[in-house]
């Protein structure tokens, strides 16, 4: 299962089944359950009026325990203080552990298709601190690329990935999950 924002659930011309989460799941041979909504974050409820925690409760927590839960995002929490982001991320990770004690959990930091602004690193560091406290792997899409995914990877809104961008994100995610030894259970 993967919980996230518009990058995860798809946006604009890129639908959920062509977003990086679905592409990576297909590459890894996983059956994905993708949850979340555009504009949401650990603290920011976005237009749908629900945070990642609330999306977890509404869309995922009632389902059977999965092998893996990925939480991806933080970009939409840009106007939130680092302490609040960290606390909300810790709370969500603790909730997920209580709900599914045997599920592997990993967190993907905020994603930028272009050079990330300075505040992106503040958000990234708050989420990374939370994952460190919770003892779960943190996958950082800002490093070592520095947020640059190449030509043709960002939509005209200069934020969201194109189909090419999603394919590159999926390749990065697949390789990074394998580096961490997060593969389907046999």
Protein backbone atom coordinates (compact mmCIF):
# COMPACT_ATOMS: atom_id res chain seq x y z
CA UNK A 1 0.00 0.00 0.00
CA UNK A 2 1.10 3.52 -0.65
CA UNK A 3 -0.29 6.71 0.82
CA UNK A 4 0.53 10.10 -0.62
CA UNK A 5 -0.32 13.29 -2.46
CA UNK A 6 -0.88 14.22 -6.12
CA UNK A 7 2.48 12.78 -7.14
CA UNK A 8 1.35 9.40 -5.79
CA UNK A 9 -2.28 9.38 -6.94
CA UNK A 10 -1.63 11.08 -10.29
CA UNK A 11 -2.51 14.55 -11.46
CA UNK A 12 -3.35 16.40 -14.65
CA UNK A 13 -3.00 14.15 -17.68
CA UNK A 14 -1.25 11.40 -15.65
CA UNK A 15 -3.81 9.09 -14.06
CA UNK A 16 -3.29 6.91 -10.98
CA UNK A 17 -2.50 3.80 -13.02
CA UNK A 18 0.35 5.66 -14.77
CA UNK A 19 1.71 7.44 -11.68
CA UNK A 20 5.09 6.38 -10.26
CA UNK A 21 3.52 4.33 -7.44
CA UNK A 22 1.60 2.09 -9.84
CA UNK A 23 4.51 1.85 -12.28
CA UNK A 24 6.93 0.80 -9.51
CA UNK A 25 4.43 -1.71 -8.14
CA UNK A 26 4.11 -3.33 -11.57
CA UNK A 27 7.90 -3.46 -11.93
CA UNK A 28 8.21 -5.11 -8.50
CA UNK A 29 5.32 -7.52 -9.08
CA UNK A 30 3.21 -6.00 -6.30
CA UNK A 31 -0.53 -5.49 -6.25
CA UNK A 32 -0.85 -1.86 -5.15
CA UNK A 33 -3.49 -0.15 -3.10
CA UNK A 34 -2.94 3.55 -3.64
CA UNK A 35 -4.51 6.08 -1.27
CA UNK A 36 -4.35 9.78 -0.57
CA UNK A 37 -5.28 12.95 -2.39
CA UNK A 38 -3.88 15.93 -4.20
CA UNK A 39 -2.79 18.83 -2.01
CA UNK A 40 -2.54 16.81 1.20
CA UNK A 41 0.34 16.32 3.60
CA UNK A 42 1.22 15.24 7.11
CA UNK A 43 -0.39 18.43 8.49
CA UNK A 44 -1.99 20.12 5.46
CA UNK A 45 -5.52 18.77 4.78
CA UNK A 46 -5.66 20.32 1.31
CA UNK A 47 -8.95 20.87 -0.49
CA UNK A 48 -10.18 17.41 0.44
CA UNK A 49 -9.92 18.35 4.12
CA UNK A 50 -7.92 15.35 5.27
CA UNK A 51 -4.30 14.84 6.25
CA UNK A 52 -2.25 11.74 5.53
CA UNK A 53 -3.38 10.40 8.92
CA UNK A 54 -7.03 10.93 8.05
CA UNK A 55 -6.53 9.36 4.60
CA UNK A 56 -4.87 6.39 6.30
CA UNK A 57 -7.86 5.95 8.62
CA UNK A 58 -10.45 6.41 5.89
CA UNK A 59 -8.83 4.52 3.01
CA UNK A 60 -6.40 1.97 4.42
CA UNK A 61 -6.66 1.08 8.12
CA UNK A 62 -9.72 -1.12 7.70
CA UNK A 63 -8.03 -3.30 5.08
CA UNK A 64 -6.17 -6.55 5.82
CA UNK A 65 -2.59 -6.09 6.96
CA UNK A 66 -0.31 -5.54 3.93
CA UNK A 67 3.30 -6.66 3.49
CA UNK A 68 4.40 -3.06 3.00
CA UNK A 69 3.14 0.46 3.63
CA UNK A 70 4.87 3.33 1.84
CA UNK A 71 4.10 6.90 2.84
CA UNK A 72 5.17 9.48 0.29
CA UNK A 73 5.03 13.24 0.53
CA UNK A 74 5.52 16.35 2.57
CA UNK A 75 5.69 18.82 -0.29
CA UNK A 76 2.28 20.28 0.61
CA UNK A 77 3.40 20.99 4.19
CA UNK A 78 5.65 23.85 3.07
CA UNK A 79 3.94 26.47 5.25
CA UNK A 80 4.02 24.29 8.37
CA UNK A 81 6.74 24.39 11.02
CA UNK A 82 9.22 21.53 11.11
CA UNK A 83 8.19 20.51 14.63
CA UNK A 84 4.56 20.06 13.62
CA UNK A 85 5.52 18.09 10.52
CA UNK A 86 7.79 15.80 12.53
CA UNK A 87 5.12 15.25 15.22
CA UNK A 88 2.43 14.47 12.62
CA UNK A 89 4.74 12.04 10.80
CA UNK A 90 5.66 10.28 14.08
CA UNK A 91 1.97 10.05 14.98
CA UNK A 92 1.10 8.52 11.59
CA UNK A 93 3.95 6.01 11.80
CA UNK A 94 2.90 4.99 15.32
CA UNK A 95 -0.73 4.62 14.18
CA UNK A 96 0.33 2.44 11.26
CA UNK A 97 2.45 0.25 13.57
CA UNK A 98 -0.44 -0.16 16.03
CA UNK A 99 -2.84 -0.97 13.20
CA UNK A 100 -0.55 -3.44 11.42
CA UNK A 101 2.25 -4.61 13.73
CA UNK A 102 3.86 -6.93 11.16
CA UNK A 103 3.80 -4.58 8.17
CA UNK A 104 7.08 -3.20 6.85
CA UNK A 105 6.95 0.58 6.59
CA UNK A 106 9.09 2.96 4.55
CA UNK A 107 8.76 6.69 3.92
CA UNK A 108 9.54 8.63 0.76
CA UNK A 109 10.39 12.28 1.30
CA UNK A 110 9.00 15.21 -0.63
CA UNK A 111 9.55 15.08 -4.39
CA UNK A 112 10.63 17.93 -6.66
CA UNK A 113 11.01 17.51 -10.40
CA UNK A 114 13.04 20.72 -10.62
CA UNK A 115 15.65 22.17 -8.30
CA UNK A 116 14.15 22.07 -4.81
CA UNK A 117 13.80 25.33 -2.89
CA UNK A 118 15.52 25.72 0.47
CA UNK A 119 12.36 25.11 2.49
CA UNK A 120 12.00 21.67 0.82
CA UNK A 121 15.02 20.52 2.78
CA UNK A 122 13.44 21.73 6.05
CA UNK A 123 10.35 19.63 5.32
CA UNK A 124 12.51 16.71 4.19
CA UNK A 125 14.61 16.87 7.35
CA UNK A 126 11.51 16.95 9.59
CA UNK A 127 10.12 13.83 7.90
CA UNK A 128 13.54 12.12 7.98
CA UNK A 129 13.84 12.83 11.71
CA UNK A 130 10.43 11.24 12.29
CA UNK A 131 11.42 8.12 10.36
CA UNK A 132 14.65 7.89 12.32
CA UNK A 133 12.70 8.10 15.59
CA UNK A 134 10.29 5.41 14.34
CA UNK A 135 13.07 3.17 13.02
CA UNK A 136 11.77 2.98 9.45
CA UNK A 137 13.70 3.51 6.21
CA UNK A 138 13.65 6.98 4.66
CA UNK A 139 13.97 7.20 0.88
CA UNK A 140 15.16 10.63 -0.20
CA UNK A 141 14.22 11.70 -3.74
CA UNK A 142 16.09 15.00 -3.28
CA UNK A 143 19.45 13.23 -3.03
CA UNK A 144 21.69 12.55 -4.83
CA UNK A 145 19.83 14.07 -7.77
CA UNK A 146 19.25 17.41 -6.07
CA UNK A 147 15.71 17.34 -7.44
CA UNK A 148 16.72 17.22 -11.12
CA UNK A 149 15.12 14.42 -13.11
CA UNK A 150 16.03 15.58 -16.59
CA UNK A 151 14.29 17.14 -19.55
CA UNK A 152 10.64 16.47 -20.24
CA UNK A 153 9.86 15.36 -16.69
CA UNK A 154 7.68 18.22 -15.46
CA UNK A 155 4.27 19.41 -16.64
CA UNK A 156 3.72 23.05 -17.69
CA UNK A 157 2.61 23.79 -14.08
CA UNK A 158 6.35 23.37 -13.24
CA UNK A 159 5.38 21.12 -10.30
CA UNK A 160 3.90 17.76 -11.29
CA UNK A 161 5.63 15.01 -13.24
CA UNK A 162 4.89 14.16 -16.84
CA UNK A 163 4.51 10.51 -17.85
CA UNK A 164 8.30 10.54 -18.41
CA UNK A 165 8.82 12.03 -14.95
CA UNK A 166 6.66 9.36 -13.36
CA UNK A 167 8.60 6.65 -15.21
CA UNK A 168 11.89 8.06 -13.88
CA UNK A 169 10.49 8.33 -10.36
CA UNK A 170 9.28 4.73 -10.59
CA UNK A 171 12.75 3.60 -11.69
CA UNK A 172 14.34 5.47 -8.79
CA UNK A 173 11.82 4.08 -6.31
CA UNK A 174 12.23 0.52 -7.55
CA UNK A 175 16.03 0.69 -7.35
CA UNK A 176 15.96 2.37 -3.93
CA UNK A 177 13.50 -0.14 -2.46
CA UNK A 178 15.74 -2.95 -3.72
CA UNK A 179 18.79 -1.26 -2.16
CA UNK A 180 16.95 -1.34 1.18
CA UNK A 181 16.05 -4.98 0.62
CA UNK A 182 12.34 -4.19 0.42
CA UNK A 183 11.15 -6.83 -2.00
CA UNK A 184 7.89 -8.79 -2.21
CA UNK A 185 7.60 -11.53 0.37
CA UNK A 186 7.84 -14.94 -1.16
